[in-house]
Amino acid sequence: MAPIQNARVLFGSIPKTFPIPGETTLYDTTQTIDLETEPLNGGFLVKTLVLSLDPFLRMRMRDPSVKSYLNPFQIGAPLDGWGIGVVLRSETTGVEAGKYVYGVTISHQEYTVYPELGYLQILETHPGLSLAAYVTATGMPGQTAYAGWKEYSDAKPGEVAFVTSGAGAVGTLVIQLAKQAGMKVIASAGSEEKVKFMQSIGADVAFNYKTTDTGAVLEKEGPIDVFWDNVGGDIADVAIEFSAHKARYLACGSISGLNTGHQGVKNFHQIIRKALHVHGVLVLDLLPKYQEEFYATIPPKLASGELKYSEDVSRGLNTVGDVFVGVLKGTAKPVVIVADGW
């Protein structure tokens, strides 16, 4: 078989604010691969099918000297993150051709040889769900929502929950978990379309934080017993101000400061005065405890329609740079279909 194109998205430079497609991320089509003869050296060859451009990837676009729990991207190397691929050839025991692999180290290129599974796992799919669902509602975002909620929310019927970025993949499931727990749910997002979606999945009070005063909403509808925060920044300070005594603050994301710098908590004294319970939600810490339960519970409910999710995708590896900027600005969903037909 003659070599074919193996397009990829490379890390080009460290951004100062928002990534710039063509500078920060480079779509490269110069590499080729022979799918029949490419050496595996005991590994396996994967065709990339679906990528999830989650906001945390922005934290990896940094100088290597800056320490974090996430490794930085390397200049000139392909990006990688959560995604799904199909095994084409394998010399690895237990990894068979035709199987799907899912995990956080899926390379942003069309074809990749992996030396071992490592952080990848064999994915068993549900007949009622698309592959795209496995990087959103049943992937890392859904697992984050489920595990974080189960571990830290201590939700009680009649209490009030506030969810920021409620139309995202994480927030969507959190809203529904809170409703199943018998809570009143307040949710915010950045467009009227997203407000309508949050209402459709059960949010009792849904509002556009860009056009509505968050403090006024929370003062009227609160106080908050569980605050699930995907955003950070000013809205977190407002939520703390209108939290109940011994409320639970589940800090899951801080997308507001990823490109402009993170600010400290101005209402820190309120955490003490109200005896708030603050928990950082890191899914990799919680998966060993909740992963099996998650897969037994959530995919069937999504497939049956008991739980709802949004499937809004982009197509083509060449769209990765633009889509990722859209994700960070709240104008795009993170899922990119690289290849169809599987």
C-alpha atoms as a PDB file:
ATOM      1  CA  MET A   1       0.000   0.000   0.000  1.00  0.00           C
ATOM      2  CA  ALA A   2       1.338   3.438  -0.892  1.00  0.00           C
ATOM      3  CA  PRO A   3       1.880   5.943   1.927  1.00  0.00           C
ATOM      4  CA  ILE A   4      -1.073   8.225   2.668  1.00  0.00           C
ATOM      5  CA  GLN A   5      -1.383  11.590   4.356  1.00  0.00           C
ATOM      6  CA  ASN A   6      -1.163  11.645   8.143  1.00  0.00           C
ATOM      7  CA  ALA A   7      -2.351  15.150   9.001  1.00  0.00           C
ATOM      8  CA  ARG A   8      -1.749  16.468  12.511  1.00  0.00           C
ATOM      9  CA  VAL A   9      -2.180  19.533  14.706  1.00  0.00           C
ATOM     10  CA  LEU A  10       1.107  20.754  16.161  1.00  0.00           C
ATOM     11  CA  PHE A  11       1.803  23.034  19.116  1.00  0.00           C
ATOM     12  CA  GLY A  12       3.421  26.058  17.515  1.00  0.00           C
ATOM     13  CA  SER A  13       3.915  28.642  20.254  1.00  0.00           C
ATOM     14  CA  ILE A  14       2.934  29.572  23.807  1.00  0.00           C
ATOM     15  CA  PRO A  15      -0.038  31.980  23.723  1.00  0.00           C
ATOM     16  CA  LYS A  16      -0.155  35.071  25.912  1.00  0.00           C
ATOM     17  CA  THR A  17      -3.963  35.171  25.965  1.00  0.00           C
ATOM     18  CA  PHE A  18      -6.245  33.208  23.643  1.00  0.00           C
ATOM     19  CA  PRO A  19      -4.557  30.685  21.333  1.00  0.00           C
ATOM     20  CA  ILE A  20      -4.138  31.864  17.739  1.00  0.00           C
ATOM     21  CA  PRO A  21      -4.834  29.281  15.002  1.00  0.00           C
ATOM     22  CA  GLY A  22      -1.899  29.233  12.612  1.00  0.00           C
ATOM     23  CA  GLU A  23       0.495  30.337  15.375  1.00  0.00           C
ATOM     24  CA  THR A  24      -0.373  28.517  18.603  1.00  0.00           C
ATOM     25  CA  THR A  25      -1.831  25.554  16.726  1.00  0.00           C
ATOM     26  CA  LEU A  26      -0.534  24.493  13.307  1.00  0.00           C
ATOM     27  CA  TYR A  27      -2.407  22.184  10.947  1.00  0.00           C
ATOM     28  CA  ASP A  28       0.280  20.161   9.155  1.00  0.00           C
ATOM     29  CA  THR A  29      -0.221  17.791   6.199  1.00  0.00           C
ATOM     30  CA  THR A  30       3.412  17.046   5.317  1.00  0.00           C
ATOM     31  CA  GLN A  31       3.657  13.723   7.165  1.00  0.00           C
ATOM     32  CA  THR A  32       2.735  10.416   5.502  1.00  0.00           C
ATOM     33  CA  ILE A  33       2.284   6.852   6.769  1.00  0.00           C
ATOM     34  CA  ASP A  34       2.036   3.383   5.238  1.00  0.00           C
ATOM     35  CA  LEU A  35      -0.722   1.698   7.228  1.00  0.00           C
ATOM     36  CA  GLU A  36       0.411  -1.803   6.265  1.00  0.00           C
ATOM     37  CA  THR A  37       4.147  -1.510   6.892  1.00  0.00           C
ATOM     38  CA  GLU A  38       4.511   1.122   9.636  1.00  0.00           C
ATOM     39  CA  PRO A  39       6.610  -0.578  12.366  1.00  0.00           C
ATOM     40  CA  LEU A  40       4.641  -1.263  15.556  1.00  0.00           C
ATOM     41  CA  ASN A  41       7.517  -2.500  17.740  1.00  0.00           C
ATOM     42  CA  GLY A  42       5.103  -4.295  20.037  1.00  0.00           C
ATOM     43  CA  GLY A  43       2.549  -1.479  20.025  1.00  0.00           C
ATOM     44  CA  PHE A  44      -0.606  -0.829  18.039  1.00  0.00           C
ATOM     45  CA  LEU A  45      -1.717   1.482  15.231  1.00  0.00           C
ATOM     46  CA  VAL A  46      -4.790   3.649  15.817  1.00  0.00           C
ATOM     47  CA  LYS A  47      -6.940   5.715  13.483  1.00  0.00           C
ATOM     48  CA  THR A  48      -8.223   8.776  15.338  1.00  0.00           C
ATOM     49  CA  LEU A  49     -12.006   9.132  15.185  1.00  0.00           C
ATOM     50  CA  VAL A  50     -13.170  11.699  17.752  1.00  0.00           C
ATOM     51  CA  LEU A  51     -11.396  14.409  19.761  1.00  0.00           C
ATOM     52  CA  SER A  52     -12.590  16.409  22.767  1.00  0.00           C
ATOM     53  CA  LEU A  53     -11.063  19.895  22.960  1.00  0.00           C
ATOM     54  CA  ASP A  54     -11.594  20.454  26.663  1.00  0.00           C
ATOM     55  CA  PRO A  55     -10.648  23.796  28.276  1.00  0.00           C
ATOM     56  CA  PHE A  56      -7.919  22.188  30.415  1.00  0.00           C
ATOM     57  CA  LEU A  57      -5.804  21.843  27.258  1.00  0.00           C
ATOM     58  CA  ARG A  58      -5.152  25.590  27.553  1.00  0.00           C
ATOM     59  CA  MET A  59      -3.237  24.926  30.789  1.00  0.00           C
ATOM     60  CA  ARG A  60      -0.878  22.680  28.830  1.00  0.00           C
ATOM     61  CA  MET A  61       0.008  25.513  26.425  1.00  0.00           C
ATOM     62  CA  ARG A  62       2.641  26.888  28.764  1.00  0.00           C
ATOM     63  CA  ASP A  63       6.359  27.147  29.394  1.00  0.00           C
ATOM     64  CA  PRO A  64       7.674  23.739  30.557  1.00  0.00           C
ATOM     65  CA  SER A  65       9.237  25.403  33.608  1.00  0.00           C
ATOM     66  CA  VAL A  66       5.754  26.135  35.002  1.00  0.00           C
ATOM     67  CA  LYS A  67       4.774  23.135  37.105  1.00  0.00           C
ATOM     68  CA  SER A  68       1.301  21.605  37.065  1.00  0.00           C
ATOM     69  CA  TYR A  69      -0.447  18.275  37.468  1.00  0.00           C
ATOM     70  CA  LEU A  70      -0.751  18.301  33.655  1.00  0.00           C
ATOM     71  CA  ASN A  71       2.286  17.922  31.404  1.00  0.00           C
ATOM     72  CA  PRO A  72       2.919  20.845  29.025  1.00  0.00           C
ATOM     73  CA  PHE A  73       2.681  20.462  25.268  1.00  0.00           C
ATOM     74  CA  GLN A  74       6.003  20.370  23.445  1.00  0.00           C
ATOM     75  CA  ILE A  75       6.693  22.920  20.714  1.00  0.00           C
ATOM     76  CA  GLY A  76       6.609  21.176  17.332  1.00  0.00           C
ATOM     77  CA  ALA A  77       4.849  18.050  18.621  1.00  0.00           C
ATOM     78  CA  PRO A  78       1.190  17.093  18.088  1.00  0.00           C
ATOM     79  CA  LEU A  79      -1.400  18.072  20.661  1.00  0.00           C
ATOM     80  CA  ASP A  80      -3.089  15.255  22.557  1.00  0.00           C
ATOM     81  CA  GLY A  81      -6.044  14.884  24.890  1.00  0.00           C
ATOM     82  CA  TRP A  82      -9.264  12.983  25.459  1.00  0.00           C
ATOM     83  CA  GLY A  83     -10.456  11.149  22.386  1.00  0.00           C
ATOM     84  CA  ILE A  84     -11.405   7.889  20.717  1.00  0.00           C
ATOM     85  CA  GLY A  85      -9.700   5.857  18.025  1.00  0.00           C
ATOM     86  CA  VAL A  86     -10.039   2.468  16.380  1.00  0.00           C
ATOM     87  CA  VAL A  87      -7.214  -0.069  16.354  1.00  0.00           C
ATOM     88  CA  LEU A  88      -6.084  -0.940  12.810  1.00  0.00           C
ATOM     89  CA  ARG A  89      -3.150  -3.264  13.595  1.00  0.00           C
ATOM     90  CA  SER A  90      -1.735  -4.540  16.864  1.00  0.00           C
ATOM     91  CA  GLU A  91       1.187  -6.414  18.366  1.00  0.00           C
ATOM     92  CA  THR A  92      -0.041  -5.727  21.917  1.00  0.00           C
ATOM     93  CA  THR A  93      -1.649  -8.537  23.898  1.00  0.00           C
ATOM     94  CA  GLY A  94      -5.273  -7.721  24.690  1.00  0.00           C
ATOM     95  CA  VAL A  95      -5.506  -4.943  22.108  1.00  0.00           C
ATOM     96  CA  GLU A  96      -7.216  -6.331  19.017  1.00  0.00           C
ATOM     97  CA  ALA A  97      -7.774  -4.762  15.608  1.00  0.00           C
ATOM     98  CA  GLY A  98     -11.269  -3.305  15.345  1.00  0.00           C
ATOM     99  CA  LYS A  99     -11.490  -2.370  19.032  1.00  0.00           C
ATOM    100  CA  TYR A 100     -12.076   1.209  20.143  1.00  0.00           C
ATOM    101  CA  VAL A 101      -9.605   2.863  22.504  1.00  0.00           C
ATOM    102  CA  TYR A 102     -10.468   5.875  24.653  1.00  0.00           C
ATOM    103  CA  GLY A 103      -8.379   8.035  26.923  1.00  0.00           C
ATOM    104  CA  VAL A 104      -6.495  11.233  27.625  1.00  0.00           C
ATOM    105  CA  THR A 105      -3.487  10.555  25.377  1.00  0.00           C
ATOM    106  CA  ILE A 106      -5.178  10.393  21.964  1.00  0.00           C
ATOM    107  CA  SER A 107      -2.896  12.299  19.595  1.00  0.00           C
ATOM    108  CA  HIS A 108      -4.290  15.062  17.402  1.00  0.00           C
ATOM    109  CA  GLN A 109      -3.239  13.360  14.214  1.00  0.00           C
ATOM    110  CA  GLU A 110      -4.978  10.983  11.842  1.00  0.00           C
ATOM    111  CA  TYR A 111      -2.901   7.883  12.642  1.00  0.00           C
ATOM    112  CA  THR A 112      -0.686   7.109  15.635  1.00  0.00           C
ATOM    113  CA  VAL A 113       1.354   4.147  16.859  1.00  0.00           C
ATOM    114  CA  TYR A 114       1.054   3.753  20.638  1.00  0.00           C
ATOM    115  CA  PRO A 115       3.689   1.638  22.423  1.00  0.00           C
ATOM    116  CA  GLU A 116       1.185   0.485  25.083  1.00  0.00           C
ATOM    117  CA  LEU A 117      -2.269   1.273  26.419  1.00  0.00           C
ATOM    118  CA  GLY A 118      -0.941   3.444  29.242  1.00  0.00           C
ATOM    119  CA  TYR A 119      -3.730   5.942  29.959  1.00  0.00           C
ATOM    120  CA  LEU A 120      -5.898   4.474  27.195  1.00  0.00           C
ATOM    121  CA  GLN A 121      -8.562   1.832  27.753  1.00  0.00           C
ATOM    122  CA  ILE A 122     -10.577  -0.477  25.550  1.00  0.00           C
ATOM    123  CA  LEU A 123     -13.983   1.147  25.090  1.00  0.00           C
ATOM    124  CA  GLU A 124     -17.124  -0.974  25.186  1.00  0.00           C
ATOM    125  CA  THR A 125     -19.851   1.042  23.490  1.00  0.00           C
ATOM    126  CA  HIS A 126     -23.609   1.075  24.085  1.00  0.00           C
ATOM    127  CA  PRO A 127     -25.738   0.480  20.963  1.00  0.00           C
ATOM    128  CA  GLY A 128     -27.916   3.511  21.663  1.00  0.00           C
ATOM    129  CA  LEU A 129     -25.083   6.039  21.850  1.00  0.00           C
ATOM    130  CA  SER A 130     -22.812   7.639  19.267  1.00  0.00           C
ATOM    131  CA  LEU A 131     -19.037   7.700  19.628  1.00  0.00           C
ATOM    132  CA  ALA A 132     -19.236  11.456  20.200  1.00  0.00           C
ATOM    133  CA  ALA A 133     -21.206  10.797  23.393  1.00  0.00           C
ATOM    134  CA  TYR A 134     -18.211   8.910  24.762  1.00  0.00           C
ATOM    135  CA  VAL A 135     -16.075  12.044  24.910  1.00  0.00           C
ATOM    136  CA  THR A 136     -18.859  14.164  26.428  1.00  0.00           C
ATOM    137  CA  ALA A 137     -21.771  12.785  28.425  1.00  0.00           C
ATOM    138  CA  THR A 138     -20.181   9.372  28.998  1.00  0.00           C
ATOM    139  CA  GLY A 139     -16.608  10.586  28.728  1.00  0.00           C
ATOM    140  CA  MET A 140     -14.417  12.699  30.962  1.00  0.00           C
ATOM    141  CA  PRO A 141     -16.967  15.542  31.356  1.00  0.00           C
ATOM    142  CA  GLY A 142     -19.759  13.176  32.369  1.00  0.00           C
ATOM    143  CA  GLN A 143     -17.458  11.229  34.669  1.00  0.00           C
ATOM    144  CA  THR A 144     -16.333  14.486  36.276  1.00  0.00           C
ATOM    145  CA  ALA A 145     -19.919  15.534  36.928  1.00  0.00           C
ATOM    146  CA  TYR A 146     -20.987  12.149  38.276  1.00  0.00           C
ATOM    147  CA  ALA A 147     -17.976  11.433  40.472  1.00  0.00           C
ATOM    148  CA  GLY A 148     -17.679  14.973  41.806  1.00  0.00           C
ATOM    149  CA  TRP A 149     -21.376  15.162  42.602  1.00  0.00           C
ATOM    150  CA  LYS A 150     -21.448  11.781  44.324  1.00  0.00           C
ATOM    151  CA  GLU A 151     -18.327  12.487  46.350  1.00  0.00           C
ATOM    152  CA  TYR A 152     -18.846  16.062  47.497  1.00  0.00           C
ATOM    153  CA  SER A 153     -22.376  17.431  47.008  1.00  0.00           C
ATOM    154  CA  ASP A 154     -24.126  15.832  50.007  1.00  0.00           C
ATOM    155  CA  ALA A 155     -27.307  16.895  48.214  1.00  0.00           C
ATOM    156  CA  LYS A 156     -30.611  16.927  50.092  1.00  0.00           C
ATOM    157  CA  PRO A 157     -34.178  17.354  48.816  1.00  0.00           C
ATOM    158  CA  GLY A 158     -35.363  20.948  49.014  1.00  0.00           C
ATOM    159  CA  GLU A 159     -31.878  22.449  48.926  1.00  0.00           C
ATOM    160  CA  VAL A 160     -30.690  24.897  46.270  1.00  0.00           C
ATOM    161  CA  ALA A 161     -27.926  24.218  43.742  1.00  0.00           C
ATOM    162  CA  PHE A 162     -26.224  26.775  41.497  1.00  0.00           C
ATOM    163  CA  VAL A 163     -24.383  25.523  38.394  1.00  0.00           C
ATOM    164  CA  THR A 164     -22.217  27.779  36.232  1.00  0.00           C
ATOM    165  CA  SER A 165     -21.605  26.938  32.572  1.00  0.00           C
ATOM    166  CA  GLY A 166     -24.738  24.855  32.883  1.00  0.00           C
ATOM    167  CA  ALA A 167     -25.042  24.148  29.146  1.00  0.00           C
ATOM    168  CA  GLY A 168     -21.608  22.544  28.912  1.00  0.00           C
ATOM    169  CA  ALA A 169     -21.099  18.796  29.046  1.00  0.00           C
ATOM    170  CA  VAL A 170     -20.256  18.833  32.765  1.00  0.00           C
ATOM    171  CA  GLY A 171     -22.944  21.302  33.775  1.00  0.00           C
ATOM    172  CA  THR A 172     -25.620  19.500  31.766  1.00  0.00           C
ATOM    173  CA  LEU A 173     -25.252  16.337  33.818  1.00  0.00           C
ATOM    174  CA  VAL A 174     -24.837  18.213  37.110  1.00  0.00           C
ATOM    175  CA  ILE A 175     -28.165  19.997  36.571  1.00  0.00           C
ATOM    176  CA  GLN A 176     -29.924  16.682  36.032  1.00  0.00           C
ATOM    177  CA  LEU A 177     -28.225  14.979  38.985  1.00  0.00           C
ATOM    178  CA  ALA A 178     -29.278  17.870  41.205  1.00  0.00           C
ATOM    179  CA  LYS A 179     -32.884  17.618  40.003  1.00  0.00           C
ATOM    180  CA  GLN A 180     -32.873  13.863  40.625  1.00  0.00           C
ATOM    181  CA  ALA A 181     -31.755  14.646  44.172  1.00  0.00           C
ATOM    182  CA  GLY A 182     -34.850  16.805  44.667  1.00  0.00           C
ATOM    183  CA  MET A 183     -33.052  20.143  44.590  1.00  0.00           C
ATOM    184  CA  LYS A 184     -34.050  23.501  43.201  1.00  0.00           C
ATOM    185  CA  VAL A 185     -31.533  24.278  40.445  1.00  0.00           C
ATOM    186  CA  ILE A 186     -30.255  27.681  39.360  1.00  0.00           C
ATOM    187  CA  ALA A 187     -28.027  27.613  36.268  1.00  0.00           C
ATOM    188  CA  SER A 188     -26.142  30.195  34.230  1.00  0.00           C
ATOM    189  CA  ALA A 189     -24.635  30.325  30.744  1.00  0.00           C
ATOM    190  CA  GLY A 190     -23.647  32.938  28.179  1.00  0.00           C
ATOM    191  CA  SER A 191     -26.404  32.942  25.545  1.00  0.00           C
ATOM    192  CA  GLU A 192     -30.178  32.800  25.249  1.00  0.00           C
ATOM    193  CA  GLU A 193     -29.911  29.546  23.283  1.00  0.00           C
ATOM    194  CA  LYS A 194     -28.029  27.986  26.190  1.00  0.00           C
ATOM    195  CA  VAL A 195     -30.608  29.320  28.648  1.00  0.00           C
ATOM    196  CA  LYS A 196     -33.354  27.532  26.715  1.00  0.00           C
ATOM    197  CA  PHE A 197     -31.332  24.320  26.724  1.00  0.00           C
ATOM    198  CA  MET A 198     -30.797  24.489  30.498  1.00  0.00           C
ATOM    199  CA  GLN A 199     -34.522  24.974  30.975  1.00  0.00           C
ATOM    200  CA  SER A 200     -35.210  21.959  28.753  1.00  0.00           C
ATOM    201  CA  ILE A 201     -33.128  19.685  30.994  1.00  0.00           C
ATOM    202  CA  GLY A 202     -34.809  20.795  34.192  1.00  0.00           C
ATOM    203  CA  ALA A 203     -33.171  23.958  35.528  1.00  0.00           C
ATOM    204  CA  ASP A 204     -35.744  25.805  37.635  1.00  0.00           C
ATOM    205  CA  VAL A 205     -34.037  29.164  37.148  1.00  0.00           C
ATOM    206  CA  ALA A 206     -31.821  29.624  34.076  1.00  0.00           C
ATOM    207  CA  PHE A 207     -30.254  32.942  33.090  1.00  0.00           C
ATOM    208  CA  ASN A 208     -27.724  34.589  30.787  1.00  0.00           C
ATOM    209  CA  TYR A 209     -24.994  35.974  33.022  1.00  0.00           C
ATOM    210  CA  LYS A 210     -23.984  38.444  30.276  1.00  0.00           C
ATOM    211  CA  THR A 211     -27.348  40.222  30.350  1.00  0.00           C
ATOM    212  CA  THR A 212     -28.620  39.454  33.862  1.00  0.00           C
ATOM    213  CA  ASP A 213     -27.233  40.468  37.250  1.00  0.00           C
ATOM    214  CA  THR A 214     -26.041  37.229  38.857  1.00  0.00           C
ATOM    215  CA  GLY A 215     -26.196  38.685  42.339  1.00  0.00           C
ATOM    216  CA  ALA A 216     -29.809  39.753  41.912  1.00  0.00           C
ATOM    217  CA  VAL A 217     -30.780  36.255  40.770  1.00  0.00           C
ATOM    218  CA  LEU A 218     -28.987  34.518  43.629  1.00  0.00           C
ATOM    219  CA  GLU A 219     -30.302  36.961  46.232  1.00  0.00           C
ATOM    220  CA  LYS A 220     -33.851  36.241  45.072  1.00  0.00           C
ATOM    221  CA  GLU A 221     -33.575  32.480  44.463  1.00  0.00           C
ATOM    222  CA  GLY A 222     -30.975  31.453  47.055  1.00  0.00           C
ATOM    223  CA  PRO A 223     -29.276  31.008  49.380  1.00  0.00           C
ATOM    224  CA  ILE A 224     -27.137  28.361  47.684  1.00  0.00           C
ATOM    225  CA  ASP A 225     -26.494  25.025  49.388  1.00  0.00           C
ATOM    226  CA  VAL A 226     -24.383  23.463  46.621  1.00  0.00           C
ATOM    227  CA  PHE A 227     -22.338  25.601  44.220  1.00  0.00           C
ATOM    228  CA  TRP A 228     -20.902  23.714  41.244  1.00  0.00           C
ATOM    229  CA  ASP A 229     -18.406  26.099  39.667  1.00  0.00           C
ATOM    230  CA  ASN A 230     -17.031  25.576  36.163  1.00  0.00           C
ATOM    231  CA  VAL A 231     -16.035  29.211  35.671  1.00  0.00           C
ATOM    232  CA  GLY A 232     -14.327  30.865  38.643  1.00  0.00           C
ATOM    233  CA  GLY A 233     -13.646  34.602  38.658  1.00  0.00           C
ATOM    234  CA  ASP A 234     -16.218  37.218  39.595  1.00  0.00           C
ATOM    235  CA  ILE A 235     -19.212  34.892  39.432  1.00  0.00           C
ATOM    236  CA  ALA A 236     -17.616  32.647  42.071  1.00  0.00           C
ATOM    237  CA  ASP A 237     -17.282  35.587  44.447  1.00  0.00           C
ATOM    238  CA  VAL A 238     -20.944  36.448  43.945  1.00  0.00           C
ATOM    239  CA  ALA A 239     -21.972  32.840  44.574  1.00  0.00           C
ATOM    240  CA  ILE A 240     -19.954  32.719  47.783  1.00  0.00           C
ATOM    241  CA  GLU A 241     -21.677  35.912  48.942  1.00  0.00           C
ATOM    242  CA  PHE A 242     -25.094  34.301  48.515  1.00  0.00           C
ATOM    243  CA  SER A 243     -24.220  30.863  49.878  1.00  0.00           C
ATOM    244  CA  ALA A 244     -25.938  29.325  52.877  1.00  0.00           C
ATOM    245  CA  HIS A 245     -24.216  28.377  56.111  1.00  0.00           C
ATOM    246  CA  LYS A 246     -22.139  25.202  55.561  1.00  0.00           C
ATOM    247  CA  ALA A 247     -22.802  25.234  51.816  1.00  0.00           C
ATOM    248  CA  ARG A 248     -20.676  22.996  49.608  1.00  0.00           C
ATOM    249  CA  TYR A 249     -18.516  24.719  46.980  1.00  0.00           C
ATOM    250  CA  LEU A 250     -17.419  22.254  44.280  1.00  0.00           C
ATOM    251  CA  ALA A 251     -14.650  23.924  42.265  1.00  0.00           C
ATOM    252  CA  CYS A 252     -14.499  22.074  38.959  1.00  0.00           C
ATOM    253  CA  GLY A 253     -13.161  24.656  36.508  1.00  0.00           C
ATOM    254  CA  SER A 254     -11.923  28.211  36.143  1.00  0.00           C
ATOM    255  CA  ILE A 255     -12.341  28.888  32.448  1.00  0.00           C
ATOM    256  CA  SER A 256     -12.773  32.625  33.055  1.00  0.00           C
ATOM    257  CA  GLY A 257      -9.076  32.988  33.889  1.00  0.00           C
ATOM    258  CA  LEU A 258      -7.433  30.509  31.518  1.00  0.00           C
ATOM    259  CA  ASN A 259      -6.491  33.175  28.971  1.00  0.00           C
ATOM    260  CA  THR A 260      -6.370  36.364  31.033  1.00  0.00           C
ATOM    261  CA  GLY A 261      -4.914  35.162  34.338  1.00  0.00           C
ATOM    262  CA  HIS A 262      -6.651  33.858  37.430  1.00  0.00           C
ATOM    263  CA  GLN A 263      -7.789  36.187  40.192  1.00  0.00           C
ATOM    264  CA  GLY A 264      -7.905  35.395  43.863  1.00  0.00           C
ATOM    265  CA  VAL A 265     -11.101  34.900  45.854  1.00  0.00           C
ATOM    266  CA  LYS A 266     -12.184  38.338  47.025  1.00  0.00           C
ATOM    267  CA  ASN A 267     -14.802  36.922  49.387  1.00  0.00           C
ATOM    268  CA  PHE A 268     -12.405  34.561  51.131  1.00  0.00           C
ATOM    269  CA  HIS A 269     -13.591  35.771  54.539  1.00  0.00           C
ATOM    270  CA  GLN A 270     -17.081  34.507  53.678  1.00  0.00           C
ATOM    271  CA  ILE A 271     -15.720  30.969  53.373  1.00  0.00           C
ATOM    272  CA  ILE A 272     -14.701  31.192  57.017  1.00  0.00           C
ATOM    273  CA  ARG A 273     -17.732  33.110  58.261  1.00  0.00           C
ATOM    274  CA  LYS A 274     -20.194  30.725  56.599  1.00  0.00           C
ATOM    275  CA  ALA A 275     -18.155  27.583  57.316  1.00  0.00           C
ATOM    276  CA  LEU A 276     -18.241  26.665  53.626  1.00  0.00           C
ATOM    277  CA  HIS A 277     -16.939  23.273  52.533  1.00  0.00           C
ATOM    278  CA  VAL A 278     -14.691  23.823  49.495  1.00  0.00           C
ATOM    279  CA  HIS A 279     -13.714  20.855  47.325  1.00  0.00           C
ATOM    280  CA  GLY A 280     -11.531  20.785  44.233  1.00  0.00           C
ATOM    281  CA  VAL A 281     -13.007  18.300  41.740  1.00  0.00           C
ATOM    282  CA  LEU A 282     -10.254  16.369  39.947  1.00  0.00           C
ATOM    283  CA  VAL A 283     -11.724  13.456  38.038  1.00  0.00           C
ATOM    284  CA  LEU A 284      -8.532  11.408  37.854  1.00  0.00           C
ATOM    285  CA  ASP A 285      -8.517  11.217  41.657  1.00  0.00           C
ATOM    286  CA  LEU A 286     -12.125  10.003  41.757  1.00  0.00           C
ATOM    287  CA  LEU A 287     -12.272   7.549  38.842  1.00  0.00           C
ATOM    288  CA  PRO A 288     -10.928   4.527  40.741  1.00  0.00           C
ATOM    289  CA  LYS A 289     -13.877   4.834  43.122  1.00  0.00           C
ATOM    290  CA  TYR A 290     -16.666   5.708  40.679  1.00  0.00           C
ATOM    291  CA  GLN A 291     -15.766   4.578  37.150  1.00  0.00           C
ATOM    292  CA  GLU A 292     -17.423   1.154  37.268  1.00  0.00           C
ATOM    293  CA  GLU A 293     -20.564   2.598  38.861  1.00  0.00           C
ATOM    294  CA  PHE A 294     -20.625   5.395  36.297  1.00  0.00           C
ATOM    295  CA  TYR A 295     -20.523   3.078  33.278  1.00  0.00           C
ATOM    296  CA  ALA A 296     -23.201   0.838  34.787  1.00  0.00           C
ATOM    297  CA  THR A 297     -25.492   3.782  35.512  1.00  0.00           C
ATOM    298  CA  ILE A 298     -25.112   6.675  33.090  1.00  0.00           C
ATOM    299  CA  PRO A 299     -24.811   5.261  29.519  1.00  0.00           C
ATOM    300  CA  PRO A 300     -28.087   3.268  29.763  1.00  0.00           C
ATOM    301  CA  LYS A 301     -29.925   6.344  31.076  1.00  0.00           C
ATOM    302  CA  LEU A 302     -28.544   8.470  28.252  1.00  0.00           C
ATOM    303  CA  ALA A 303     -29.447   5.850  25.650  1.00  0.00           C
ATOM    304  CA  SER A 304     -33.012   5.578  26.985  1.00  0.00           C
ATOM    305  CA  GLY A 305     -33.473   9.349  27.125  1.00  0.00           C
ATOM    306  CA  GLU A 306     -33.898   9.442  30.901  1.00  0.00           C
ATOM    307  CA  LEU A 307     -30.864  11.723  30.950  1.00  0.00           C
ATOM    308  CA  LYS A 308     -30.370  14.271  28.178  1.00  0.00           C
ATOM    309  CA  TYR A 309     -27.239  15.627  26.547  1.00  0.00           C
ATOM    310  CA  SER A 310     -26.314  17.910  23.672  1.00  0.00           C
ATOM    311  CA  GLU A 311     -24.475  16.491  20.671  1.00  0.00           C
ATOM    312  CA  ASP A 312     -23.056  19.423  18.723  1.00  0.00           C
ATOM    313  CA  VAL A 313     -19.922  18.544  16.764  1.00  0.00           C
ATOM    314  CA  SER A 314     -17.441  19.974  14.280  1.00  0.00           C
ATOM    315  CA  ARG A 315     -15.827  17.927  11.531  1.00  0.00           C
ATOM    316  CA  GLY A 316     -12.264  17.696  10.326  1.00  0.00           C
ATOM    317  CA  LEU A 317      -8.871  17.749  12.020  1.00  0.00           C
ATOM    318  CA  ASN A 318      -8.238  21.063  10.263  1.00  0.00           C
ATOM    319  CA  THR A 319     -10.921  22.709  12.443  1.00  0.00           C
ATOM    320  CA  VAL A 320      -9.182  21.974  15.766  1.00  0.00           C
ATOM    321  CA  GLY A 321      -7.474  25.366  16.127  1.00  0.00           C
ATOM    322  CA  ASP A 322     -10.610  27.416  15.497  1.00  0.00           C
ATOM    323  CA  VAL A 323     -12.893  25.129  17.491  1.00  0.00           C
ATOM    324  CA  PHE A 324     -10.628  25.264  20.549  1.00  0.00           C
ATOM    325  CA  VAL A 325     -10.680  29.069  20.563  1.00  0.00           C
ATOM    326  CA  GLY A 326     -14.465  28.887  20.305  1.00  0.00           C
ATOM    327  CA  VAL A 327     -14.591  26.532  23.288  1.00  0.00           C
ATOM    328  CA  LEU A 328     -12.575  28.983  25.387  1.00  0.00           C
ATOM    329  CA  LYS A 329     -14.822  31.869  24.320  1.00  0.00           C
ATOM    330  CA  GLY A 330     -18.013  29.908  24.932  1.00  0.00           C
ATOM    331  CA  THR A 331     -19.096  29.911  21.284  1.00  0.00           C
ATOM    332  CA  ALA A 332     -18.286  26.316  20.285  1.00  0.00           C
ATOM    333  CA  LYS A 333     -18.694  22.779  21.587  1.00  0.00           C
ATOM    334  CA  PRO A 334     -15.494  20.784  22.099  1.00  0.00           C
ATOM    335  CA  VAL A 335     -16.166  17.676  19.990  1.00  0.00           C
ATOM    336  CA  VAL A 336     -14.381  17.242  16.654  1.00  0.00           C
ATOM    337  CA  ILE A 337     -15.125  14.274  14.395  1.00  0.00           C
ATOM    338  CA  VAL A 338     -11.854  13.388  12.660  1.00  0.00           C
ATOM    339  CA  ALA A 339     -13.113  10.354  10.729  1.00  0.00           C
ATOM    340  CA  ASP A 340     -16.555   8.867  10.072  1.00  0.00           C
ATOM    341  CA  GLY A 341     -17.710   5.413   9.122  1.00  0.00           C
ATOM    342  CA  TRP A 342     -16.991   3.435  12.286  1.00  0.00           C
END
